[in-house]
Amino acid sequence: MKLKVIQLNFGYGGGSASACIYGPEPADVFARRPQLAIHINFSLHRDQPDFESATQDLVTLPIETATPFLCVGFLSDPPMHTDRDLNWPHPSEYRHKLTQAIAKMVSVAIQTSDADCHG
């Protein structure tokens, strides 16, 4: 499974991101490559929030700040840009991987922002 983060928006305690899982290479250059689009939103929390495990993941950010929790919400039915006959991975196969990737990017953004403010 090849998971690619396409876009990340972050600021003021939260944000959103888009990622794709690509299907097989198309037969020719005129065919669109099949993909599963994954859209998420996320928010930072100082204290551990309640969350819905069916549609959200919660991780502790690997930084020492006053906002260590990242709550990531997943769109429940991601759009598929292909016919539905293609066998796509179950959300349990990509949710943790995507949550960890977003947590790393947000951690770097926070640390970079803190360095800019104090540097």
C-alpha atoms as a PDB file:
ATOM      1  CA  MET A   1       0.000   0.000   0.000  1.00  0.00           C
ATOM      2  CA  LYS A   2       1.427   3.339  -1.052  1.00  0.00           C
ATOM      3  CA  LEU A   3       0.038   6.168   1.092  1.00  0.00           C
ATOM      4  CA  LYS A   4       0.865   9.701   0.009  1.00  0.00           C
ATOM      5  CA  VAL A   5       0.029  12.891   1.935  1.00  0.00           C
ATOM      6  CA  ILE A   6      -1.087  15.400  -0.693  1.00  0.00           C
ATOM      7  CA  GLN A   7      -1.916  18.454   1.403  1.00  0.00           C
ATOM      8  CA  LEU A   8      -1.593  19.622   5.020  1.00  0.00           C
ATOM      9  CA  ASN A   9      -3.221  22.736   6.492  1.00  0.00           C
ATOM     10  CA  PHE A  10      -2.261  23.681  10.041  1.00  0.00           C
ATOM     11  CA  GLY A  11      -2.708  26.701  12.238  1.00  0.00           C
ATOM     12  CA  TYR A  12      -4.423  28.019  15.367  1.00  0.00           C
ATOM     13  CA  GLY A  13      -4.757  24.681  17.143  1.00  0.00           C
ATOM     14  CA  GLY A  14      -5.873  22.432  14.313  1.00  0.00           C
ATOM     15  CA  GLY A  15      -6.122  21.785  10.638  1.00  0.00           C
ATOM     16  CA  SER A  16      -6.892  19.336   7.875  1.00  0.00           C
ATOM     17  CA  ALA A  17      -5.077  17.047   5.490  1.00  0.00           C
ATOM     18  CA  SER A  18      -5.652  15.026   2.345  1.00  0.00           C
ATOM     19  CA  ALA A  19      -3.938  11.793   1.427  1.00  0.00           C
ATOM     20  CA  CYS A  20      -4.298   9.175  -1.309  1.00  0.00           C
ATOM     21  CA  ILE A  21      -3.768   5.480  -1.704  1.00  0.00           C
ATOM     22  CA  TYR A  22      -3.021   4.742  -5.327  1.00  0.00           C
ATOM     23  CA  GLY A  23      -4.238   1.717  -7.234  1.00  0.00           C
ATOM     24  CA  PRO A  24      -2.397  -0.028 -10.066  1.00  0.00           C
ATOM     25  CA  GLU A  25      -0.721   1.926 -12.843  1.00  0.00           C
ATOM     26  CA  PRO A  26      -3.124   2.777 -15.680  1.00  0.00           C
ATOM     27  CA  ALA A  27      -2.889   0.943 -18.983  1.00  0.00           C
ATOM     28  CA  ASP A  28      -2.066   4.125 -20.938  1.00  0.00           C
ATOM     29  CA  VAL A  29      -1.365   7.823 -20.372  1.00  0.00           C
ATOM     30  CA  PHE A  30      -5.001   8.775 -21.038  1.00  0.00           C
ATOM     31  CA  ALA A  31      -6.452   6.637 -18.267  1.00  0.00           C
ATOM     32  CA  ARG A  32      -6.819   8.085 -14.789  1.00  0.00           C
ATOM     33  CA  ARG A  33      -4.940   6.178 -12.072  1.00  0.00           C
ATOM     34  CA  PRO A  34      -7.363   4.725  -9.529  1.00  0.00           C
ATOM     35  CA  GLN A  35      -7.086   6.234  -6.066  1.00  0.00           C
ATOM     36  CA  LEU A  36      -8.739   6.234  -2.677  1.00  0.00           C
ATOM     37  CA  ALA A  37      -8.919   9.776  -1.280  1.00  0.00           C
ATOM     38  CA  ILE A  38      -8.594  10.140   2.506  1.00  0.00           C
ATOM     39  CA  HIS A  39      -9.633  13.402   4.137  1.00  0.00           C
ATOM     40  CA  ILE A  40      -9.003  14.162   7.795  1.00  0.00           C
ATOM     41  CA  ASN A  41      -9.280  17.002  10.257  1.00  0.00           C
ATOM     42  CA  PHE A  42      -7.285  17.309  13.455  1.00  0.00           C
ATOM     43  CA  SER A  43      -7.090  19.412  16.587  1.00  0.00           C
ATOM     44  CA  LEU A  44      -4.552  19.992  19.352  1.00  0.00           C
ATOM     45  CA  HIS A  45      -5.556  19.527  22.991  1.00  0.00           C
ATOM     46  CA  ARG A  46      -3.815  20.413  26.240  1.00  0.00           C
ATOM     47  CA  ASP A  47      -5.684  17.688  28.141  1.00  0.00           C
ATOM     48  CA  GLN A  48      -6.659  14.286  26.813  1.00  0.00           C
ATOM     49  CA  PRO A  49     -10.020  14.740  25.057  1.00  0.00           C
ATOM     50  CA  ASP A  50     -12.830  12.255  24.731  1.00  0.00           C
ATOM     51  CA  PHE A  51     -12.849  10.844  21.217  1.00  0.00           C
ATOM     52  CA  GLU A  52     -14.882   8.492  19.064  1.00  0.00           C
ATOM     53  CA  SER A  53     -12.601   5.556  18.226  1.00  0.00           C
ATOM     54  CA  ALA A  54     -14.745   4.514  15.241  1.00  0.00           C
ATOM     55  CA  THR A  55     -13.914   7.719  13.352  1.00  0.00           C
ATOM     56  CA  GLN A  56     -11.025   9.307  15.298  1.00  0.00           C
ATOM     57  CA  ASP A  57      -7.504   8.475  16.464  1.00  0.00           C
ATOM     58  CA  LEU A  58      -5.709  10.102  19.395  1.00  0.00           C
ATOM     59  CA  VAL A  59      -1.913  10.373  19.725  1.00  0.00           C
ATOM     60  CA  THR A  60       0.461  12.119  22.080  1.00  0.00           C
ATOM     61  CA  LEU A  61       2.815  14.423  20.217  1.00  0.00           C
ATOM     62  CA  PRO A  62       6.534  13.787  20.800  1.00  0.00           C
ATOM     63  CA  ILE A  63       7.208  17.354  21.999  1.00  0.00           C
ATOM     64  CA  GLU A  64       7.346  19.111  25.342  1.00  0.00           C
ATOM     65  CA  THR A  65       4.649  21.773  25.121  1.00  0.00           C
ATOM     66  CA  ALA A  66       1.343  22.603  26.702  1.00  0.00           C
ATOM     67  CA  THR A  67      -0.581  20.896  23.855  1.00  0.00           C
ATOM     68  CA  PRO A  68       0.576  17.292  23.685  1.00  0.00           C
ATOM     69  CA  PHE A  69      -2.553  15.560  22.277  1.00  0.00           C
ATOM     70  CA  LEU A  70      -3.529  15.403  18.624  1.00  0.00           C
ATOM     71  CA  CYS A  71      -7.042  14.172  17.820  1.00  0.00           C
ATOM     72  CA  VAL A  72      -7.408  13.077  14.178  1.00  0.00           C
ATOM     73  CA  GLY A  73     -10.873  12.631  12.642  1.00  0.00           C
ATOM     74  CA  PHE A  74     -11.410  10.569   9.496  1.00  0.00           C
ATOM     75  CA  LEU A  75     -14.132  10.967   6.896  1.00  0.00           C
ATOM     76  CA  SER A  76     -16.241   7.858   7.376  1.00  0.00           C
ATOM     77  CA  ASP A  77     -16.688   7.001   3.682  1.00  0.00           C
ATOM     78  CA  PRO A  78     -13.672   8.113   1.633  1.00  0.00           C
ATOM     79  CA  PRO A  79     -14.332   8.822  -2.057  1.00  0.00           C
ATOM     80  CA  MET A  80     -12.913   6.362  -4.558  1.00  0.00           C
ATOM     81  CA  HIS A  81     -11.854   7.627  -7.958  1.00  0.00           C
ATOM     82  CA  THR A  82     -12.340   4.290  -9.690  1.00  0.00           C
ATOM     83  CA  ASP A  83     -14.943   1.627 -10.148  1.00  0.00           C
ATOM     84  CA  ARG A  84     -15.817  -0.032  -6.863  1.00  0.00           C
ATOM     85  CA  ASP A  85     -14.601  -3.456  -8.028  1.00  0.00           C
ATOM     86  CA  LEU A  86     -11.003  -2.655  -7.064  1.00  0.00           C
ATOM     87  CA  ASN A  87     -10.094  -4.080  -3.655  1.00  0.00           C
ATOM     88  CA  TRP A  88      -9.008  -1.172  -1.385  1.00  0.00           C
ATOM     89  CA  PRO A  89      -7.404  -1.594   2.051  1.00  0.00           C
ATOM     90  CA  HIS A  90      -9.638  -1.441   5.103  1.00  0.00           C
ATOM     91  CA  PRO A  91      -9.322   1.841   7.079  1.00  0.00           C
ATOM     92  CA  SER A  92      -7.660  -0.058   9.935  1.00  0.00           C
ATOM     93  CA  GLU A  93      -4.742  -0.705   7.562  1.00  0.00           C
ATOM     94  CA  TYR A  94      -3.958   2.975   6.904  1.00  0.00           C
ATOM     95  CA  ARG A  95      -5.412   5.025   9.782  1.00  0.00           C
ATOM     96  CA  HIS A  96      -2.534   4.508  12.236  1.00  0.00           C
ATOM     97  CA  LYS A  97       0.099   5.083   9.549  1.00  0.00           C
ATOM     98  CA  LEU A  98      -1.553   8.335   8.428  1.00  0.00           C
ATOM     99  CA  THR A  99      -2.116   9.501  12.023  1.00  0.00           C
ATOM    100  CA  GLN A 100       1.590   8.982  12.821  1.00  0.00           C
ATOM    101  CA  ALA A 101       2.662  10.860   9.665  1.00  0.00           C
ATOM    102  CA  ILE A 102       0.408  13.835  10.482  1.00  0.00           C
ATOM    103  CA  ALA A 103       1.604  13.835  14.116  1.00  0.00           C
ATOM    104  CA  LYS A 104       5.230  14.060  12.948  1.00  0.00           C
ATOM    105  CA  MET A 105       4.468  16.933  10.557  1.00  0.00           C
ATOM    106  CA  VAL A 106       2.490  18.869  13.190  1.00  0.00           C
ATOM    107  CA  SER A 107       5.270  18.315  15.761  1.00  0.00           C
ATOM    108  CA  VAL A 108       7.854  19.753  13.377  1.00  0.00           C
ATOM    109  CA  ALA A 109       5.584  22.704  12.593  1.00  0.00           C
ATOM    110  CA  ILE A 110       5.099  23.451  16.316  1.00  0.00           C
ATOM    111  CA  GLN A 111       8.809  23.143  17.110  1.00  0.00           C
ATOM    112  CA  THR A 112       9.731  25.326  14.125  1.00  0.00           C
ATOM    113  CA  SER A 113       7.165  27.911  15.189  1.00  0.00           C
ATOM    114  CA  ASP A 114       8.472  27.878  18.782  1.00  0.00           C
ATOM    115  CA  ALA A 115      12.055  28.291  17.545  1.00  0.00           C
ATOM    116  CA  ASP A 116      11.021  31.251  15.364  1.00  0.00           C
ATOM    117  CA  CYS A 117       9.246  32.906  18.313  1.00  0.00           C
ATOM    118  CA  HIS A 118      12.139  32.420  20.737  1.00  0.00           C
ATOM    119  CA  GLY A 119      15.058  32.656  18.354  1.00  0.00           C
END
